[in-house]
Amino acid sequence: MPTLRPTGRSGAIAVISILLAALALGCAKPAFRDVIGADDDVRVAIDDPTGVDTWAVRTASDADVVVLRISGDSADVGALQTRVLLPGGLVVAELILPKGHQFSIALSGRAAVWTTEFRVRQPESAPVSYRLQVVRPLAAGPGAGPSCADALRARGIGAWVVSVAEPPAASGLPFPGLGAVALAVTPAGALTAGPATAGAAPVLRVNTGAALRGDFARLGCGPRLVQLSVWDASKGRPPSMSIADASERPLCGGTGQPPCLADPGPGRWVPWTLSSSTPIGSFSLESDDVYVASLVIQ
């Protein structure tokens, strides 16, 4: 039975001849599969500037890590932006892909079906072609170092998205093969779990009057970009987010620094992103009631 590699998805034309050929050969496998696995090699052409190409991948457990590898012409890869969701419309990441021949996104933290949406970002123009593969992280090789960008690159990863369904163990929020991010909440016991909306996947909940701190010391590297996807439950003080270096010096809000983040607006998922030229040692999130769907590092 032939391996089918479609060249069209949402915003592109289906390759009918491939489907007919597969049926003629008696194959039950359709030409397009929304859920792709480790042996799939998908080639996509988005020819509609408003088109959205949607695929899904599965993680089998909270320790499982899958990697989406996007490759192609440097200009085409750099013309894409992607959004990653969990069931119930839960947004766990929004990323603009950098120019380059390849960029990979790791997904982990829970057993789930993750939906990925690819679109042409403004002001780029269609058509855009790329190749999509599902792979596993590489064993750490040459190039791993104190910068998370280097450590991730050595594992074949550009950005790592972690989403958990319950507060992590004392060992921290796991990035398997890399380390863990220690989470501390004040007052103790104020970090629980639950869905932000009915029918959605459960996420972390920082309860009223609490502060959540994430420390990257156990990760073994310092990210230069941190993204938290947050949902303000609108029960008082709106959320605010800040970052600091390993010595607890603020990396936002000061002279010559980017502003810290505050008030994402209630009742919707907002991927909050802070970056720094200095490695980030920790982040802090304060609110009177906020849900946290994920942590992304680069």
C-alpha atoms as a PDB file:
ATOM      1  CA  MET A   1       0.000   0.000   0.000  1.00  0.00           C
ATOM      2  CA  PRO A   2       1.532   3.366  -0.945  1.00  0.00           C
ATOM      3  CA  THR A   3       2.411   6.017   1.624  1.00  0.00           C
ATOM      4  CA  LEU A   4       0.211   9.035   0.925  1.00  0.00           C
ATOM      5  CA  ARG A   5       1.772  12.476   1.145  1.00  0.00           C
ATOM      6  CA  PRO A   6      -0.933  15.056   0.385  1.00  0.00           C
ATOM      7  CA  THR A   7       0.081  18.442  -0.959  1.00  0.00           C
ATOM      8  CA  GLY A   8      -3.057  20.283   0.108  1.00  0.00           C
ATOM      9  CA  ARG A   9      -5.090  21.002   3.237  1.00  0.00           C
ATOM     10  CA  SER A  10      -7.357  23.827   4.411  1.00  0.00           C
ATOM     11  CA  GLY A  11      -6.920  26.705   1.995  1.00  0.00           C
ATOM     12  CA  ALA A  12      -5.534  24.346  -0.681  1.00  0.00           C
ATOM     13  CA  ILE A  13      -6.928  21.948  -3.281  1.00  0.00           C
ATOM     14  CA  ALA A  14      -7.317  18.283  -2.366  1.00  0.00           C
ATOM     15  CA  VAL A  15      -5.375  15.924  -4.557  1.00  0.00           C
ATOM     16  CA  ILE A  16      -8.302  13.864  -5.809  1.00  0.00           C
ATOM     17  CA  SER A  17      -6.170  11.684  -8.034  1.00  0.00           C
ATOM     18  CA  ILE A  18      -4.205  10.409  -5.032  1.00  0.00           C
ATOM     19  CA  LEU A  19      -7.403   9.502  -3.222  1.00  0.00           C
ATOM     20  CA  LEU A  20      -8.769   7.677  -6.279  1.00  0.00           C
ATOM     21  CA  ALA A  21      -5.506   5.816  -6.749  1.00  0.00           C
ATOM     22  CA  ALA A  22      -5.540   4.722  -3.129  1.00  0.00           C
ATOM     23  CA  LEU A  23      -9.107   3.484  -3.419  1.00  0.00           C
ATOM     24  CA  ALA A  24      -8.264   1.628  -6.620  1.00  0.00           C
ATOM     25  CA  LEU A  25      -5.496  -0.183  -4.765  1.00  0.00           C
ATOM     26  CA  GLY A  26      -7.924  -1.162  -2.035  1.00  0.00           C
ATOM     27  CA  CYS A  27      -6.342   1.031   0.617  1.00  0.00           C
ATOM     28  CA  ALA A  28      -8.536   1.965   3.539  1.00  0.00           C
ATOM     29  CA  LYS A  29      -6.179   4.780   4.514  1.00  0.00           C
ATOM     30  CA  PRO A  30      -7.608   8.163   3.422  1.00  0.00           C
ATOM     31  CA  ALA A  31      -5.517  10.739   1.589  1.00  0.00           C
ATOM     32  CA  PHE A  32      -5.966  13.246   4.419  1.00  0.00           C
ATOM     33  CA  ARG A  33      -5.739  12.392   8.113  1.00  0.00           C
ATOM     34  CA  ASP A  34      -6.298  15.062  10.721  1.00  0.00           C
ATOM     35  CA  VAL A  35      -4.431  12.991  13.339  1.00  0.00           C
ATOM     36  CA  ILE A  36      -0.865  12.298  12.293  1.00  0.00           C
ATOM     37  CA  GLY A  37       1.628   9.931  13.883  1.00  0.00           C
ATOM     38  CA  ALA A  38       5.332   9.203  14.006  1.00  0.00           C
ATOM     39  CA  ASP A  39       5.471   7.612  10.549  1.00  0.00           C
ATOM     40  CA  ASP A  40       3.564  10.355   8.752  1.00  0.00           C
ATOM     41  CA  ASP A  41       5.279  12.747   6.370  1.00  0.00           C
ATOM     42  CA  VAL A  42       2.843  15.451   5.225  1.00  0.00           C
ATOM     43  CA  ARG A  43       3.523  18.078   2.578  1.00  0.00           C
ATOM     44  CA  VAL A  44       1.225  21.079   2.644  1.00  0.00           C
ATOM     45  CA  ALA A  45       0.516  24.025   0.354  1.00  0.00           C
ATOM     46  CA  ILE A  46      -1.546  26.925   1.694  1.00  0.00           C
ATOM     47  CA  ASP A  47      -2.636  28.958  -1.313  1.00  0.00           C
ATOM     48  CA  ASP A  48      -5.355  31.017   0.399  1.00  0.00           C
ATOM     49  CA  PRO A  49      -3.937  33.863   2.551  1.00  0.00           C
ATOM     50  CA  THR A  50      -6.831  33.377   4.993  1.00  0.00           C
ATOM     51  CA  GLY A  51      -6.607  29.565   4.998  1.00  0.00           C
ATOM     52  CA  VAL A  52      -5.894  27.606   8.179  1.00  0.00           C
ATOM     53  CA  ASP A  53      -4.189  24.233   7.982  1.00  0.00           C
ATOM     54  CA  THR A  54      -5.210  22.016  10.912  1.00  0.00           C
ATOM     55  CA  TRP A  55      -3.569  18.822  12.162  1.00  0.00           C
ATOM     56  CA  ALA A  56      -3.638  16.903  15.427  1.00  0.00           C
ATOM     57  CA  VAL A  57      -1.144  14.708  17.264  1.00  0.00           C
ATOM     58  CA  ARG A  58      -1.448  12.480  20.323  1.00  0.00           C
ATOM     59  CA  THR A  59       0.637  12.140  23.454  1.00  0.00           C
ATOM     60  CA  ALA A  60       0.092   8.792  25.163  1.00  0.00           C
ATOM     61  CA  SER A  61       0.955   9.816  28.741  1.00  0.00           C
ATOM     62  CA  ASP A  62       2.156  12.712  30.863  1.00  0.00           C
ATOM     63  CA  ALA A  63       5.744  11.564  30.207  1.00  0.00           C
ATOM     64  CA  ASP A  64       5.342  11.249  26.437  1.00  0.00           C
ATOM     65  CA  VAL A  65       6.967  13.893  24.225  1.00  0.00           C
ATOM     66  CA  VAL A  66       6.119  14.382  20.555  1.00  0.00           C
ATOM     67  CA  VAL A  67       7.842  16.862  18.282  1.00  0.00           C
ATOM     68  CA  LEU A  68       6.282  18.558  15.259  1.00  0.00           C
ATOM     69  CA  ARG A  69       9.000  19.323  12.720  1.00  0.00           C
ATOM     70  CA  ILE A  70       8.121  22.030  10.178  1.00  0.00           C
ATOM     71  CA  SER A  71      10.578  22.310   7.310  1.00  0.00           C
ATOM     72  CA  GLY A  72      10.882  23.786   3.841  1.00  0.00           C
ATOM     73  CA  ASP A  73      12.118  26.920   2.159  1.00  0.00           C
ATOM     74  CA  SER A  74      13.376  29.463   4.700  1.00  0.00           C
ATOM     75  CA  ALA A  75      10.956  32.156   3.544  1.00  0.00           C
ATOM     76  CA  ASP A  76       7.982  29.769   3.631  1.00  0.00           C
ATOM     77  CA  VAL A  77       8.721  28.457   7.145  1.00  0.00           C
ATOM     78  CA  GLY A  78       9.227  32.025   8.357  1.00  0.00           C
ATOM     79  CA  ALA A  79       5.879  33.060   6.875  1.00  0.00           C
ATOM     80  CA  LEU A  80       3.943  30.773   9.227  1.00  0.00           C
ATOM     81  CA  GLN A  81       2.368  31.273  12.603  1.00  0.00           C
ATOM     82  CA  THR A  82       0.864  28.456  14.617  1.00  0.00           C
ATOM     83  CA  ARG A  83      -1.608  28.013  17.427  1.00  0.00           C
ATOM     84  CA  VAL A  84      -1.770  24.881  19.603  1.00  0.00           C
ATOM     85  CA  LEU A  85      -5.013  23.889  21.335  1.00  0.00           C
ATOM     86  CA  LEU A  86      -6.369  21.201  23.657  1.00  0.00           C
ATOM     87  CA  PRO A  87     -10.015  20.022  23.773  1.00  0.00           C
ATOM     88  CA  GLY A  88     -12.586  22.650  24.673  1.00  0.00           C
ATOM     89  CA  GLY A  89     -10.849  25.483  22.808  1.00  0.00           C
ATOM     90  CA  LEU A  90      -8.010  25.615  25.327  1.00  0.00           C
ATOM     91  CA  VAL A  91      -5.170  27.618  23.741  1.00  0.00           C
ATOM     92  CA  VAL A  92      -1.786  26.432  24.994  1.00  0.00           C
ATOM     93  CA  ALA A  93       0.583  28.240  22.606  1.00  0.00           C
ATOM     94  CA  GLU A  94       0.796  30.872  19.884  1.00  0.00           C
ATOM     95  CA  LEU A  95       4.096  31.005  18.020  1.00  0.00           C
ATOM     96  CA  ILE A  96       5.512  32.931  15.085  1.00  0.00           C
ATOM     97  CA  LEU A  97       8.003  30.695  13.316  1.00  0.00           C
ATOM     98  CA  PRO A  98      11.409  32.251  12.613  1.00  0.00           C
ATOM     99  CA  LYS A  99      12.902  32.271   9.136  1.00  0.00           C
ATOM    100  CA  GLY A 100      14.927  29.121   8.580  1.00  0.00           C
ATOM    101  CA  HIS A 101      14.699  25.798   6.845  1.00  0.00           C
ATOM    102  CA  GLN A 102      13.359  24.008   9.934  1.00  0.00           C
ATOM    103  CA  PHE A 103      11.577  24.675  13.227  1.00  0.00           C
ATOM    104  CA  SER A 104      10.317  22.068  15.708  1.00  0.00           C
ATOM    105  CA  ILE A 105       7.711  22.294  18.486  1.00  0.00           C
ATOM    106  CA  ALA A 106       7.717  19.788  21.364  1.00  0.00           C
ATOM    107  CA  LEU A 107       4.439  18.937  23.139  1.00  0.00           C
ATOM    108  CA  SER A 108       4.226  17.162  26.520  1.00  0.00           C
ATOM    109  CA  GLY A 109       2.729  17.082  30.005  1.00  0.00           C
ATOM    110  CA  ARG A 110      -0.467  15.060  29.594  1.00  0.00           C
ATOM    111  CA  ALA A 111      -2.138  12.314  27.578  1.00  0.00           C
ATOM    112  CA  ALA A 112      -4.122  14.288  25.026  1.00  0.00           C
ATOM    113  CA  VAL A 113      -4.932  15.101  21.429  1.00  0.00           C
ATOM    114  CA  TRP A 114      -3.242  18.390  20.551  1.00  0.00           C
ATOM    115  CA  THR A 115      -4.625  20.414  17.648  1.00  0.00           C
ATOM    116  CA  THR A 116      -2.203  22.579  15.684  1.00  0.00           C
ATOM    117  CA  GLU A 117      -3.326  25.372  13.378  1.00  0.00           C
ATOM    118  CA  PHE A 118      -0.978  26.820  10.762  1.00  0.00           C
ATOM    119  CA  ARG A 119      -1.701  30.009   8.880  1.00  0.00           C
ATOM    120  CA  VAL A 120       0.137  32.629   6.833  1.00  0.00           C
ATOM    121  CA  ARG A 121       1.013  35.528   9.109  1.00  0.00           C
ATOM    122  CA  GLN A 122       0.711  39.164   8.142  1.00  0.00           C
ATOM    123  CA  PRO A 123       2.262  40.767   6.138  1.00  0.00           C
ATOM    124  CA  GLU A 124       3.469  37.576   4.398  1.00  0.00           C
ATOM    125  CA  SER A 125       1.581  36.325   1.354  1.00  0.00           C
ATOM    126  CA  ALA A 126       0.408  32.975   0.004  1.00  0.00           C
ATOM    127  CA  PRO A 127       1.184  30.494  -1.418  1.00  0.00           C
ATOM    128  CA  VAL A 128       3.283  28.896   1.331  1.00  0.00           C
ATOM    129  CA  SER A 129       4.509  25.310   1.217  1.00  0.00           C
ATOM    130  CA  TYR A 130       6.004  23.259   4.028  1.00  0.00           C
ATOM    131  CA  ARG A 131       6.628  19.724   5.202  1.00  0.00           C
ATOM    132  CA  LEU A 132       5.227  18.448   8.516  1.00  0.00           C
ATOM    133  CA  GLN A 133       6.646  15.420  10.366  1.00  0.00           C
ATOM    134  CA  VAL A 134       6.075  13.923  13.815  1.00  0.00           C
ATOM    135  CA  VAL A 135       9.346  12.849  15.451  1.00  0.00           C
ATOM    136  CA  ARG A 136      10.844  12.255  18.906  1.00  0.00           C
ATOM    137  CA  PRO A 137      13.352  14.489  20.723  1.00  0.00           C
ATOM    138  CA  LEU A 138      17.008  13.757  20.041  1.00  0.00           C
ATOM    139  CA  ALA A 139      19.314  12.676  22.825  1.00  0.00           C
ATOM    140  CA  ALA A 140      21.299  15.683  24.022  1.00  0.00           C
ATOM    141  CA  GLY A 141      24.314  16.126  21.787  1.00  0.00           C
ATOM    142  CA  PRO A 142      26.952  18.756  21.040  1.00  0.00           C
ATOM    143  CA  GLY A 143      25.629  22.261  21.459  1.00  0.00           C
ATOM    144  CA  ALA A 144      23.711  21.735  24.700  1.00  0.00           C
ATOM    145  CA  GLY A 145      24.639  24.551  27.055  1.00  0.00           C
ATOM    146  CA  PRO A 146      23.414  27.084  29.626  1.00  0.00           C
ATOM    147  CA  SER A 147      21.113  28.742  27.100  1.00  0.00           C
ATOM    148  CA  CYS A 148      17.798  26.920  26.658  1.00  0.00           C
ATOM    149  CA  ALA A 149      17.866  27.796  22.954  1.00  0.00           C
ATOM    150  CA  ASP A 150      21.120  25.786  22.642  1.00  0.00           C
ATOM    151  CA  ALA A 151      19.900  22.966  24.892  1.00  0.00           C
ATOM    152  CA  LEU A 152      16.644  22.648  22.957  1.00  0.00           C
ATOM    153  CA  ARG A 153      18.401  22.867  19.594  1.00  0.00           C
ATOM    154  CA  ALA A 154      20.671  19.996  20.621  1.00  0.00           C
ATOM    155  CA  ARG A 155      17.505  17.918  21.079  1.00  0.00           C
ATOM    156  CA  GLY A 156      16.010  18.983  17.753  1.00  0.00           C
ATOM    157  CA  ILE A 157      13.520  21.407  19.380  1.00  0.00           C
ATOM    158  CA  GLY A 158      12.842  25.087  18.773  1.00  0.00           C
ATOM    159  CA  ALA A 159      10.038  25.649  21.305  1.00  0.00           C
ATOM    160  CA  TRP A 160       8.703  23.340  24.043  1.00  0.00           C
ATOM    161  CA  VAL A 161       5.062  23.452  25.177  1.00  0.00           C
ATOM    162  CA  VAL A 162       4.127  21.779  28.482  1.00  0.00           C
ATOM    163  CA  SER A 163       0.526  21.541  29.718  1.00  0.00           C
ATOM    164  CA  VAL A 164      -0.453  19.565  32.822  1.00  0.00           C
ATOM    165  CA  ALA A 165      -3.853  18.524  34.150  1.00  0.00           C
ATOM    166  CA  GLU A 166      -2.976  18.833  37.848  1.00  0.00           C
ATOM    167  CA  PRO A 167      -0.397  20.507  40.082  1.00  0.00           C
ATOM    168  CA  PRO A 168       2.993  18.842  39.516  1.00  0.00           C
ATOM    169  CA  ALA A 169       4.880  16.850  42.122  1.00  0.00           C
ATOM    170  CA  ALA A 170       7.525  18.441  44.297  1.00  0.00           C
ATOM    171  CA  SER A 171      10.085  17.650  41.604  1.00  0.00           C
ATOM    172  CA  GLY A 172       8.490  20.345  39.448  1.00  0.00           C
ATOM    173  CA  LEU A 173       6.936  20.777  36.030  1.00  0.00           C
ATOM    174  CA  PRO A 174       8.734  18.160  33.906  1.00  0.00           C
ATOM    175  CA  PHE A 175      10.561  18.697  30.634  1.00  0.00           C
ATOM    176  CA  PRO A 176      11.638  15.052  30.125  1.00  0.00           C
ATOM    177  CA  GLY A 177      15.302  14.683  29.275  1.00  0.00           C
ATOM    178  CA  LEU A 178      15.991  18.329  30.067  1.00  0.00           C
ATOM    179  CA  GLY A 179      14.944  18.973  33.673  1.00  0.00           C
ATOM    180  CA  ALA A 180      12.035  20.547  35.509  1.00  0.00           C
ATOM    181  CA  VAL A 181      10.626  23.945  36.420  1.00  0.00           C
ATOM    182  CA  ALA A 182       9.962  24.321  40.142  1.00  0.00           C
ATOM    183  CA  LEU A 183       6.543  25.811  40.873  1.00  0.00           C
ATOM    184  CA  ALA A 184       5.832  27.502  44.198  1.00  0.00           C
ATOM    185  CA  VAL A 185       2.579  29.153  45.202  1.00  0.00           C
ATOM    186  CA  THR A 186       1.896  31.570  48.051  1.00  0.00           C
ATOM    187  CA  PRO A 187      -0.081  30.871  50.175  1.00  0.00           C
ATOM    188  CA  ALA A 188       0.544  27.125  50.196  1.00  0.00           C
ATOM    189  CA  GLY A 189      -2.301  25.055  48.818  1.00  0.00           C
ATOM    190  CA  ALA A 190      -3.580  27.812  46.521  1.00  0.00           C
ATOM    191  CA  LEU A 191      -2.596  25.912  43.360  1.00  0.00           C
ATOM    192  CA  THR A 192      -5.377  23.518  42.337  1.00  0.00           C
ATOM    193  CA  ALA A 193      -6.775  22.109  39.099  1.00  0.00           C
ATOM    194  CA  GLY A 194      -9.989  22.383  37.111  1.00  0.00           C
ATOM    195  CA  PRO A 195     -11.425  23.460  33.759  1.00  0.00           C
ATOM    196  CA  ALA A 196     -11.790  27.152  32.985  1.00  0.00           C
ATOM    197  CA  THR A 197     -15.011  26.403  31.088  1.00  0.00           C
ATOM    198  CA  ALA A 198     -17.460  23.506  31.083  1.00  0.00           C
ATOM    199  CA  GLY A 199     -16.199  20.595  29.002  1.00  0.00           C
ATOM    200  CA  ALA A 200     -12.670  21.925  28.616  1.00  0.00           C
ATOM    201  CA  ALA A 201      -9.531  20.059  29.645  1.00  0.00           C
ATOM    202  CA  PRO A 202      -8.464  20.597  33.290  1.00  0.00           C
ATOM    203  CA  VAL A 203      -5.615  23.033  33.887  1.00  0.00           C
ATOM    204  CA  LEU A 204      -3.846  24.696  36.799  1.00  0.00           C
ATOM    205  CA  ARG A 205      -5.792  27.230  38.819  1.00  0.00           C
ATOM    206  CA  VAL A 206      -4.105  29.932  40.892  1.00  0.00           C
ATOM    207  CA  ASN A 207      -6.735  30.752  43.483  1.00  0.00           C
ATOM    208  CA  THR A 208      -7.798  34.093  44.921  1.00  0.00           C
ATOM    209  CA  GLY A 209      -5.017  36.245  46.308  1.00  0.00           C
ATOM    210  CA  ALA A 210      -2.244  33.817  45.375  1.00  0.00           C
ATOM    211  CA  ALA A 211       1.091  34.278  43.618  1.00  0.00           C
ATOM    212  CA  LEU A 212       2.693  31.605  41.446  1.00  0.00           C
ATOM    213  CA  ARG A 213       6.451  31.521  40.903  1.00  0.00           C
ATOM    214  CA  GLY A 214       8.300  29.341  38.403  1.00  0.00           C
ATOM    215  CA  ASP A 215      12.039  28.804  38.891  1.00  0.00           C
ATOM    216  CA  PHE A 216      14.192  27.516  36.018  1.00  0.00           C
ATOM    217  CA  ALA A 217      17.224  26.509  38.128  1.00  0.00           C
ATOM    218  CA  ARG A 218      16.334  22.786  37.923  1.00  0.00           C
ATOM    219  CA  LEU A 219      15.933  23.026  34.165  1.00  0.00           C
ATOM    220  CA  GLY A 220      19.668  23.292  33.665  1.00  0.00           C
ATOM    221  CA  CYS A 221      19.327  26.213  31.248  1.00  0.00           C
ATOM    222  CA  GLY A 222      17.876  29.695  31.073  1.00  0.00           C
ATOM    223  CA  PRO A 223      15.173  30.426  28.479  1.00  0.00           C
ATOM    224  CA  ARG A 224      15.131  33.762  26.704  1.00  0.00           C
ATOM    225  CA  LEU A 225      11.405  33.543  25.984  1.00  0.00           C
ATOM    226  CA  VAL A 226       8.633  32.419  28.330  1.00  0.00           C
ATOM    227  CA  GLN A 227       4.957  32.135  27.425  1.00  0.00           C
ATOM    228  CA  LEU A 228       2.078  31.399  29.817  1.00  0.00           C
ATOM    229  CA  SER A 229      -1.437  30.860  28.493  1.00  0.00           C
ATOM    230  CA  VAL A 230      -3.793  32.438  31.054  1.00  0.00           C
ATOM    231  CA  TRP A 231      -7.534  32.837  31.605  1.00  0.00           C
ATOM    232  CA  ASP A 232      -8.662  35.613  33.954  1.00  0.00           C
ATOM    233  CA  ALA A 233     -11.722  34.449  35.909  1.00  0.00           C
ATOM    234  CA  SER A 234     -12.527  38.117  36.655  1.00  0.00           C
ATOM    235  CA  LYS A 235     -13.007  37.795  40.399  1.00  0.00           C
ATOM    236  CA  GLY A 236     -10.980  40.777  41.537  1.00  0.00           C
ATOM    237  CA  ARG A 237      -7.464  41.955  40.814  1.00  0.00           C
ATOM    238  CA  PRO A 238      -6.508  41.132  37.191  1.00  0.00           C
ATOM    239  CA  PRO A 239      -3.437  38.973  36.562  1.00  0.00           C
ATOM    240  CA  SER A 240       0.067  40.382  36.191  1.00  0.00           C
ATOM    241  CA  MET A 241       3.230  38.617  35.045  1.00  0.00           C
ATOM    242  CA  SER A 242       6.919  39.460  35.457  1.00  0.00           C
ATOM    243  CA  ILE A 243      10.291  37.808  34.854  1.00  0.00           C
ATOM    244  CA  ALA A 244      13.664  38.003  36.604  1.00  0.00           C
ATOM    245  CA  ASP A 245      17.174  36.686  36.074  1.00  0.00           C
ATOM    246  CA  ALA A 246      18.823  33.990  38.197  1.00  0.00           C
ATOM    247  CA  SER A 247      19.846  36.630  40.752  1.00  0.00           C
ATOM    248  CA  GLU A 248      16.242  37.884  41.036  1.00  0.00           C
ATOM    249  CA  ARG A 249      16.974  41.115  39.179  1.00  0.00           C
ATOM    250  CA  PRO A 250      13.838  42.183  37.265  1.00  0.00           C
ATOM    251  CA  LEU A 251      13.938  41.764  33.485  1.00  0.00           C
ATOM    252  CA  CYS A 252      10.801  43.786  32.724  1.00  0.00           C
ATOM    253  CA  GLY A 253       9.246  47.030  33.860  1.00  0.00           C
ATOM    254  CA  GLY A 254      12.487  48.944  34.376  1.00  0.00           C
ATOM    255  CA  THR A 255      14.305  51.593  32.382  1.00  0.00           C
ATOM    256  CA  GLY A 256      15.253  50.231  28.985  1.00  0.00           C
ATOM    257  CA  GLN A 257      13.302  47.019  29.633  1.00  0.00           C
ATOM    258  CA  PRO A 258      10.080  45.789  28.056  1.00  0.00           C
ATOM    259  CA  PRO A 259       6.962  46.327  30.169  1.00  0.00           C
ATOM    260  CA  CYS A 260       5.748  43.544  32.404  1.00  0.00           C
ATOM    261  CA  LEU A 261       2.319  42.153  31.535  1.00  0.00           C
ATOM    262  CA  ALA A 262      -0.982  43.002  33.200  1.00  0.00           C
ATOM    263  CA  ASP A 263      -4.717  42.523  32.654  1.00  0.00           C
ATOM    264  CA  PRO A 264      -5.180  40.128  29.705  1.00  0.00           C
ATOM    265  CA  GLY A 265      -8.927  40.724  29.714  1.00  0.00           C
ATOM    266  CA  PRO A 266     -11.385  38.307  31.330  1.00  0.00           C
ATOM    267  CA  GLY A 267     -13.023  35.167  29.979  1.00  0.00           C
ATOM    268  CA  ARG A 268     -10.616  34.177  27.197  1.00  0.00           C
ATOM    269  CA  TRP A 269      -7.313  32.386  26.719  1.00  0.00           C
ATOM    270  CA  VAL A 270      -4.409  34.777  26.217  1.00  0.00           C
ATOM    271  CA  PRO A 271      -0.866  33.485  25.535  1.00  0.00           C
ATOM    272  CA  TRP A 272       1.291  35.924  27.486  1.00  0.00           C
ATOM    273  CA  THR A 273       4.878  36.194  26.235  1.00  0.00           C
ATOM    274  CA  LEU A 274       7.906  37.839  27.822  1.00  0.00           C
ATOM    275  CA  SER A 275      11.408  37.675  26.379  1.00  0.00           C
ATOM    276  CA  SER A 276      14.837  38.939  27.349  1.00  0.00           C
ATOM    277  CA  SER A 277      18.361  39.072  25.949  1.00  0.00           C
ATOM    278  CA  THR A 278      19.442  37.893  29.429  1.00  0.00           C
ATOM    279  CA  PRO A 279      18.581  34.276  30.366  1.00  0.00           C
ATOM    280  CA  ILE A 280      15.382  34.193  32.412  1.00  0.00           C
ATOM    281  CA  GLY A 281      15.746  32.666  35.870  1.00  0.00           C
ATOM    282  CA  SER A 282      12.131  32.824  37.036  1.00  0.00           C
ATOM    283  CA  PHE A 283       8.640  34.109  36.305  1.00  0.00           C
ATOM    284  CA  SER A 284       5.932  35.350  38.666  1.00  0.00           C
ATOM    285  CA  LEU A 285       2.174  35.427  38.145  1.00  0.00           C
ATOM    286  CA  GLU A 286      -0.180  37.209  40.541  1.00  0.00           C
ATOM    287  CA  SER A 287      -3.957  37.366  40.451  1.00  0.00           C
ATOM    288  CA  ASP A 288      -7.174  37.001  42.401  1.00  0.00           C
ATOM    289  CA  ASP A 289      -8.238  34.002  40.270  1.00  0.00           C
ATOM    290  CA  VAL A 290      -6.489  32.842  37.105  1.00  0.00           C
ATOM    291  CA  TYR A 291      -6.203  29.587  35.145  1.00  0.00           C
ATOM    292  CA  VAL A 292      -2.863  28.600  33.599  1.00  0.00           C
ATOM    293  CA  ALA A 293      -3.028  26.238  30.634  1.00  0.00           C
ATOM    294  CA  SER A 294       0.634  25.890  29.738  1.00  0.00           C
ATOM    295  CA  LEU A 295       4.245  26.986  29.896  1.00  0.00           C
ATOM    296  CA  VAL A 296       6.267  27.488  26.708  1.00  0.00           C
ATOM    297  CA  ILE A 297      10.031  28.007  26.668  1.00  0.00           C
ATOM    298  CA  GLN A 298      12.449  28.948  23.911  1.00  0.00           C
END
